Each structure stands twice: as structure tokens, then as C-alpha cells.
PDB file of N, CA and C in Angstrom:
ATOM      1  N   MET A   1     200.728 157.863 223.199  1.00  0.00           N
ATOM      2  CA  MET A   1     201.731 157.485 224.159  1.00  0.00           C
ATOM      3  C   MET A   1     201.141 157.568 225.571  1.00  0.00           C
ATOM      4  N   ARG A   2     201.394 156.572 226.347  1.00  0.00           N
ATOM      5  CA  ARG A   2     200.822 156.473 227.694  1.00  0.00           C
ATOM      6  C   ARG A   2     201.683 157.249 228.695  1.00  0.00           C
ATOM      7  N   THR A   3     201.027 158.002 229.585  1.00  0.00           N
ATOM      8  CA  THR A   3     201.729 158.740 230.632  1.00  0.00           C
ATOM      9  C   THR A   3     201.972 157.810 231.810  1.00  0.00           C
ATOM     10  N   LEU A   4     203.189 157.787 232.287  1.00  0.00           N
ATOM     11  CA  LEU A   4     203.528 156.940 233.425  1.00  0.00           C
ATOM     12  C   LEU A   4     203.173 157.643 234.726  1.00  0.00           C
ATOM     13  N   SER A   5     202.825 156.858 235.731  1.00  0.00           N
ATOM     14  CA  SER A   5     202.466 157.392 237.032  1.00  0.00           C
ATOM     15  C   SER A   5     203.289 156.699 238.106  1.00  0.00           C
ATOM     16  N   LEU A   6     203.770 157.475 239.047  1.00  0.00           N
ATOM     17  CA  LEU A   6     204.509 156.895 240.170  1.00  0.00           C
ATOM     18  C   LEU A   6     203.603 156.107 241.105  1.00  0.00           C
ATOM     19  N   PHE A   7     202.309 156.401 241.066  1.00  0.00           N
ATOM     20  CA  PHE A   7     201.378 155.812 242.027  1.00  0.00           C
ATOM     21  C   PHE A   7     200.457 154.758 241.419  1.00  0.00           C
ATOM     22  N   GLU A   8     200.683 154.368 240.189  1.00  0.00           N
ATOM     23  CA  GLU A   8     199.781 153.446 239.508  1.00  0.00           C
ATOM     24  C   GLU A   8     199.605 152.134 240.256  1.00  0.00           C
ATOM     25  N   ASN A   9     200.680 151.593 240.804  1.00  0.00           N
ATOM     26  CA  ASN A   9     200.582 150.320 241.521  1.00  0.00           C
ATOM     27  C   ASN A   9     199.891 150.474 242.873  1.00  0.00           C
ATOM     28  N   GLU A  10     199.747 151.696 243.359  1.00  0.00           N
ATOM     29  CA  GLU A  10     199.136 151.958 244.653  1.00  0.00           C
ATOM     30  C   GLU A  10     197.635 152.215 244.555  1.00  0.00           C
ATOM     31  N   ARG A  11     197.097 152.247 243.345  1.00  0.00           N
ATOM     32  CA  ARG A  11     195.669 152.531 243.183  1.00  0.00           C
ATOM     33  C   ARG A  11     194.813 151.440 243.792  1.00  0.00           C
ATOM     34  N   LEU A  12     193.747 151.852 244.462  1.00  0.00           N
ATOM     35  CA  LEU A  12     192.810 150.897 245.040  1.00  0.00           C
ATOM     36  C   LEU A  12     191.694 150.616 244.048  1.00  0.00           C
ATOM     37  N   SER A  13     191.121 149.442 244.156  1.00  0.00           N
ATOM     38  CA  SER A  13     189.950 149.135 243.342  1.00  0.00           C
ATOM     39  C   SER A  13     188.761 149.910 243.905  1.00  0.00           C
ATOM     40  N   LEU A  14     187.728 150.048 243.104  1.00  0.00           N
ATOM     41  CA  LEU A  14     186.519 150.726 243.563  1.00  0.00           C
ATOM     42  C   LEU A  14     185.939 150.008 244.776  1.00  0.00           C
ATOM     43  N   GLU A  15     185.898 148.692 244.724  1.00  0.00           N
ATOM     44  CA  GLU A  15     185.335 147.907 245.823  1.00  0.00           C
ATOM     45  C   GLU A  15     186.108 148.143 247.121  1.00  0.00           C
ATOM     46  N   ARG A  16     187.448 148.161 247.021  1.00  0.00           N
ATOM     47  CA  ARG A  16     188.277 148.374 248.216  1.00  0.00           C
ATOM     48  C   ARG A  16     188.106 149.798 248.741  1.00  0.00           C
ATOM     49  N   SER A  17     187.999 150.755 247.850  1.00  0.00           N
ATOM     50  CA  SER A  17     187.798 152.149 248.255  1.00  0.00           C
ATOM     51  C   SER A  17     186.478 152.313 249.004  1.00  0.00           C
ATOM     52  N   ILE A  18     185.427 151.667 248.512  1.00  0.00           N
ATOM     53  CA  ILE A  18     184.124 151.734 249.178  1.00  0.00           C
ATOM     54  C   ILE A  18     184.194 151.062 250.542  1.00  0.00           C
ATOM     55  N   GLU A  19     184.864 149.932 250.627  1.00  0.00           N
ATOM     56  CA  GLU A  19     184.971 149.225 251.900  1.00  0.00           C
ATOM     57  C   GLU A  19     185.744 150.054 252.924  1.00  0.00           C
ATOM     58  N   LEU A  20     186.817 150.704 252.509  1.00  0.00           N
ATOM     59  CA  LEU A  20     187.573 151.558 253.432  1.00  0.00           C
ATOM     60  C   LEU A  20     186.728 152.744 253.899  1.00  0.00           C
ATOM     61  N   SER A  21     185.941 153.309 252.992  1.00  0.00           N
ATOM     62  CA  SER A  21     185.044 154.410 253.358  1.00  0.00           C
ATOM     63  C   SER A  21     184.003 153.931 254.360  1.00  0.00           C
ATOM     64  N   ALA A  22     183.437 152.752 254.126  1.00  0.00           N
ATOM     65  CA  ALA A  22     182.434 152.197 255.042  1.00  0.00           C
ATOM     66  C   ALA A  22     183.050 151.910 256.409  1.00  0.00           C
ATOM     67  N   GLU A  23     184.264 151.375 256.438  1.00  0.00           N
ATOM     68  CA  GLU A  23     184.943 151.116 257.713  1.00  0.00           C
ATOM     69  C   GLU A  23     185.129 152.413 258.495  1.00  0.00           C
ATOM     70  N   SER A  24     185.562 153.449 257.809  1.00  0.00           N
ATOM     71  CA  SER A  24     185.767 154.744 258.447  1.00  0.00           C
ATOM     72  C   SER A  24     184.451 155.306 258.984  1.00  0.00           C
ATOM     73  N   LEU A  25     183.395 155.221 258.185  1.00  0.00           N
ATOM     74  CA  LEU A  25     182.086 155.721 258.621  1.00  0.00           C
ATOM     75  C   LEU A  25     181.521 154.901 259.778  1.00  0.00           C
ATOM     76  N   ARG A  26     181.757 153.592 259.787  1.00  0.00           N
ATOM     77  CA  ARG A  26     181.300 152.770 260.914  1.00  0.00           C
ATOM     78  C   ARG A  26     181.989 153.208 262.204  1.00  0.00           C
ATOM     79  N   HIS A  27     183.286 153.467 262.127  1.00  0.00           N
ATOM     80  CA  HIS A  27     184.024 153.861 263.328  1.00  0.00           C
ATOM     81  C   HIS A  27     183.670 155.283 263.762  1.00  0.00           C
ATOM     82  N   TYR A  28     183.905 156.256 262.895  1.00  0.00           N
ATOM     83  CA  TYR A  28     183.700 157.651 263.274  1.00  0.00           C
ATOM     84  C   TYR A  28     182.228 158.030 263.321  1.00  0.00           C
ATOM     85  N   GLY A  29     181.422 157.437 262.475  1.00  0.00           N
ATOM     86  CA  GLY A  29     179.991 157.741 262.471  1.00  0.00           C
ATOM     87  C   GLY A  29     179.307 157.356 263.755  1.00  0.00           C
ATOM     88  N   SER A  30     179.778 156.290 264.382  1.00  0.00           N
ATOM     89  CA  SER A  30     179.157 155.847 265.633  1.00  0.00           C
ATOM     90  C   SER A  30     179.444 156.811 266.786  1.00  0.00           C
ATOM     91  N   LEU A  31     180.385 157.717 266.598  1.00  0.00           N
ATOM     92  CA  LEU A  31     180.727 158.688 267.638  1.00  0.00           C
ATOM     93  C   LEU A  31     179.801 159.905 267.650  1.00  0.00           C
ATOM     94  N   TYR A  32     179.016 160.073 266.582  1.00  0.00           N
ATOM     95  CA  TYR A  32     178.188 161.271 266.431  1.00  0.00           C
ATOM     96  C   TYR A  32     176.751 160.897 266.083  1.00  0.00           C
ATOM     97  N   LYS A  33     175.798 161.636 266.656  1.00  0.00           N
ATOM     98  CA  LYS A  33     174.381 161.393 266.365  1.00  0.00           C
ATOM     99  C   LYS A  33     173.919 162.143 265.116  1.00  0.00           C
ATOM    100  N   HIS A  34     174.596 163.233 264.814  1.00  0.00           N
ATOM    101  CA  HIS A  34     174.210 164.080 263.678  1.00  0.00           C
ATOM    102  C   HIS A  34     175.404 164.228 262.744  1.00  0.00           C
ATOM    103  N   TRP A  35     175.177 163.966 261.466  1.00  0.00           N
ATOM    104  CA  TRP A  35     176.249 164.061 260.473  1.00  0.00           C
ATOM    105  C   TRP A  35     175.983 165.232 259.545  1.00  0.00           C
ATOM    106  N   ALA A  36     177.071 165.817 259.023  1.00  0.00           N
ATOM    107  CA  ALA A  36     176.969 166.873 258.013  1.00  0.00           C
ATOM    108  C   ALA A  36     177.904 166.501 256.865  1.00  0.00           C
ATOM    109  N   ILE A  37     177.424 166.671 255.645  1.00  0.00           N
ATOM    110  CA  ILE A  37     178.215 166.379 254.450  1.00  0.00           C
ATOM    111  C   ILE A  37     178.262 167.638 253.603  1.00  0.00           C
ATOM    112  N   ALA A  38     179.466 168.100 253.282  1.00  0.00           N
ATOM    113  CA  ALA A  38     179.620 169.268 252.412  1.00  0.00           C
ATOM    114  C   ALA A  38     179.306 168.851 250.981  1.00  0.00           C
ATOM    115  N   PHE A  39     178.473 169.628 250.310  1.00  0.00           N
ATOM    116  CA  PHE A  39     178.034 169.291 248.955  1.00  0.00           C
ATOM    117  C   PHE A  39     178.165 170.518 248.060  1.00  0.00           C
ATOM    118  N   SER A  40     178.945 170.366 246.978  1.00  0.00           N
ATOM    119  CA  SER A  40     179.125 171.476 246.049  1.00  0.00           C
ATOM    120  C   SER A  40     178.337 171.284 244.759  1.00  0.00           C
ATOM    121  N   GLY A  41     177.851 170.071 244.538  1.00  0.00           N
ATOM    122  CA  GLY A  41     177.164 169.760 243.292  1.00  0.00           C
ATOM    123  C   GLY A  41     178.086 169.151 242.265  1.00  0.00           C
ATOM    124  N   GLY A  42     179.374 169.065 242.602  1.00  0.00           N
ATOM    125  CA  GLY A  42     180.345 168.455 241.696  1.00  0.00           C
ATOM    126  C   GLY A  42     180.319 166.937 241.781  1.00  0.00           C
ATOM    127  N   LYS A  43     181.150 166.312 240.970  1.00  0.00           N
ATOM    128  CA  LYS A  43     181.117 164.849 240.893  1.00  0.00           C
ATOM    129  C   LYS A  43     181.570 164.174 242.185  1.00  0.00           C
ATOM    130  N   TYR A  44     182.543 164.734 242.898  1.00  0.00           N
ATOM    131  CA  TYR A  44     183.031 164.074 244.103  1.00  0.00           C
ATOM    132  C   TYR A  44     182.046 164.212 245.262  1.00  0.00           C
ATOM    133  N   SER A  45     181.477 165.394 245.432  1.00  0.00           N
ATOM    134  CA  SER A  45     180.511 165.540 246.518  1.00  0.00           C
ATOM    135  C   SER A  45     179.228 164.784 246.197  1.00  0.00           C
ATOM    136  N   SER A  46     178.848 164.718 244.925  1.00  0.00           N
ATOM    137  CA  SER A  46     177.677 163.922 244.527  1.00  0.00           C
ATOM    138  C   SER A  46     177.912 162.446 244.822  1.00  0.00           C
ATOM    139  N   ALA A  47     179.119 161.972 244.508  1.00  0.00           N
ATOM    140  CA  ALA A  47     179.456 160.570 244.779  1.00  0.00           C
ATOM    141  C   ALA A  47     179.456 160.289 246.278  1.00  0.00           C
ATOM    142  N   THR A  48     179.952 161.232 247.068  1.00  0.00           N
ATOM    143  CA  THR A  48     180.001 161.052 248.522  1.00  0.00           C
ATOM    144  C   THR A  48     178.603 160.959 249.124  1.00  0.00           C
ATOM    145  N   VAL A  49     177.732 161.879 248.755  1.00  0.00           N
ATOM    146  CA  VAL A  49     176.356 161.857 249.281  1.00  0.00           C
ATOM    147  C   VAL A  49     175.643 160.580 248.846  1.00  0.00           C
ATOM    148  N   THR A  50     175.818 160.186 247.599  1.00  0.00           N
ATOM    149  CA  THR A  50     175.183 158.972 247.084  1.00  0.00           C
ATOM    150  C   THR A  50     175.699 157.737 247.813  1.00  0.00           C
ATOM    151  N   LEU A  51     177.015 157.667 248.027  1.00  0.00           N
ATOM    152  CA  LEU A  51     177.603 156.515 248.718  1.00  0.00           C
ATOM    153  C   LEU A  51     177.105 156.422 250.157  1.00  0.00           C
ATOM    154  N   VAL A  52     177.111 157.532 250.870  1.00  0.00           N
ATOM    155  CA  VAL A  52     176.653 157.520 252.267  1.00  0.00           C
ATOM    156  C   VAL A  52     175.185 157.096 252.339  1.00  0.00           C
ATOM    157  N   ALA A  53     174.349 157.653 251.482  1.00  0.00           N
ATOM    158  CA  ALA A  53     172.929 157.277 251.482  1.00  0.00           C
ATOM    159  C   ALA A  53     172.757 155.794 251.179  1.00  0.00           C
ATOM    160  N   ASP A  54     173.512 155.279 250.217  1.00  0.00           N
ATOM    161  CA  ASP A  54     173.421 153.865 249.845  1.00  0.00           C
ATOM    162  C   ASP A  54     173.878 152.964 250.992  1.00  0.00           C
ATOM    163  N   LEU A  55     174.988 153.309 251.643  1.00  0.00           N
ATOM    164  CA  LEU A  55     175.490 152.501 252.754  1.00  0.00           C
ATOM    165  C   LEU A  55     174.523 152.505 253.938  1.00  0.00           C
ATOM    166  N   ILE A  56     173.893 153.649 254.200  1.00  0.00           N
ATOM    167  CA  ILE A  56     172.889 153.711 255.272  1.00  0.00           C
ATOM    168  C   ILE A  56     171.689 152.846 254.914  1.00  0.00           C
ATOM    169  N   GLU A  57     171.206 152.988 253.683  1.00  0.00           N
ATOM    170  CA  GLU A  57     170.031 152.227 253.240  1.00  0.00           C
ATOM    171  C   GLU A  57     170.269 150.720 253.307  1.00  0.00           C
ATOM    172  N   LYS A  58     171.468 150.281 252.974  1.00  0.00           N
ATOM    173  CA  LYS A  58     171.806 148.854 253.005  1.00  0.00           C
ATOM    174  C   LYS A  58     172.133 148.353 254.407  1.00  0.00           C
ATOM    175  N   GLY A  59     172.210 149.268 255.376  1.00  0.00           N
ATOM    176  CA  GLY A  59     172.526 148.869 256.743  1.00  0.00           C
ATOM    177  C   GLY A  59     173.993 148.560 256.960  1.00  0.00           C
ATOM    178  N   GLU A  60     174.852 149.040 256.068  1.00  0.00           N
ATOM    179  CA  GLU A  60     176.286 148.753 256.171  1.00  0.00           C
ATOM    180  C   GLU A  60     177.019 149.734 257.077  1.00  0.00           C
ATOM    181  N   ILE A  61     176.376 150.862 257.397  1.00  0.00           N
ATOM    182  CA  ILE A  61     176.924 151.821 258.351  1.00  0.00           C
ATOM    183  C   ILE A  61     175.783 152.242 259.270  1.00  0.00           C
ATOM    184  N   PRO A  62     176.116 152.723 260.478  1.00  0.00           N
ATOM    185  CA  PRO A  62     175.042 153.103 261.402  1.00  0.00           C
ATOM    186  C   PRO A  62     174.226 154.273 260.868  1.00  0.00           C
ATOM    187  N   ARG A  63     172.932 154.252 261.154  1.00  0.00           N
ATOM    188  CA  ARG A  63     172.045 155.335 260.734  1.00  0.00           C
ATOM    189  C   ARG A  63     172.078 156.426 261.804  1.00  0.00           C
ATOM    190  N   PRO A  64     172.563 157.612 261.447  1.00  0.00           N
ATOM    191  CA  PRO A  64     172.566 158.702 262.431  1.00  0.00           C
ATOM    192  C   PRO A  64     171.141 159.229 262.642  1.00  0.00           C
ATOM    193  N   GLU A  65     170.969 160.005 263.708  1.00  0.00           N
ATOM    194  CA  GLU A  65     169.659 160.622 263.941  1.00  0.00           C
ATOM    195  C   GLU A  65     169.311 161.581 262.815  1.00  0.00           C
ATOM    196  N   SER A  66     170.330 162.259 262.286  1.00  0.00           N
ATOM    197  CA  SER A  66     170.087 163.174 261.167  1.00  0.00           C
ATOM    198  C   SER A  66     171.336 163.274 260.294  1.00  0.00           C
ATOM    199  N   VAL A  67     171.103 163.590 259.024  1.00  0.00           N
ATOM    200  CA  VAL A  67     172.179 163.887 258.086  1.00  0.00           C
ATOM    201  C   VAL A  67     171.835 165.207 257.435  1.00  0.00           C
ATOM    202  N   THR A  68     172.747 166.166 257.534  1.00  0.00           N
ATOM    203  CA  THR A  68     172.555 167.467 256.906  1.00  0.00           C
ATOM    204  C   THR A  68     173.520 167.586 255.751  1.00  0.00           C
ATOM    205  N   VAL A  69     172.992 167.877 254.577  1.00  0.00           N
ATOM    206  CA  VAL A  69     173.833 168.111 253.400  1.00  0.00           C
ATOM    207  C   VAL A  69     173.934 169.607 253.225  1.00  0.00           C
ATOM    208  N   LEU A  70     175.143 170.122 253.348  1.00  0.00           N
ATOM    209  CA  LEU A  70     175.376 171.568 253.291  1.00  0.00           C
ATOM    210  C   LEU A  70     175.667 172.028 251.876  1.00  0.00           C
TER     211      LEU A  70
END
């Protein structure tokens, strides 16, 4: 039996989620020369570090002077 969700229709696609993250990083990232990313080793922090590195490498977000992974 399938569990119903109140938010199912509000879910974003992976592509849209990545684009919103990139938009946010383009705006707020340009305000700072040095970035810090909290990393616990779990799946969400691993995904965040991987996404940021990929977006920087592809030139889709500004490259900061430094990135510190905490």
C-alpha cells in the first residue's frame, strides 16, 4: 500500500533542484571570497560538496579564492 504525501505535488525534479542551488550560489557566492562547507561524511553533505565542486569545475558558479570543507 502506498503512503500518501501532502507535499508530493510540490517535489522538485533533480534538475530544477540543482539549478536553484546554482542560482543561490551564483548570487551569494559572489559576495564572499572564501567559502566554507560543513561536511559530516553523510549522504547529504557528500552530495553538497560534490555538487559545489562540479558546478565550480564546469564554470556554472563563480570560483572563490578558497573553499574550506569543515
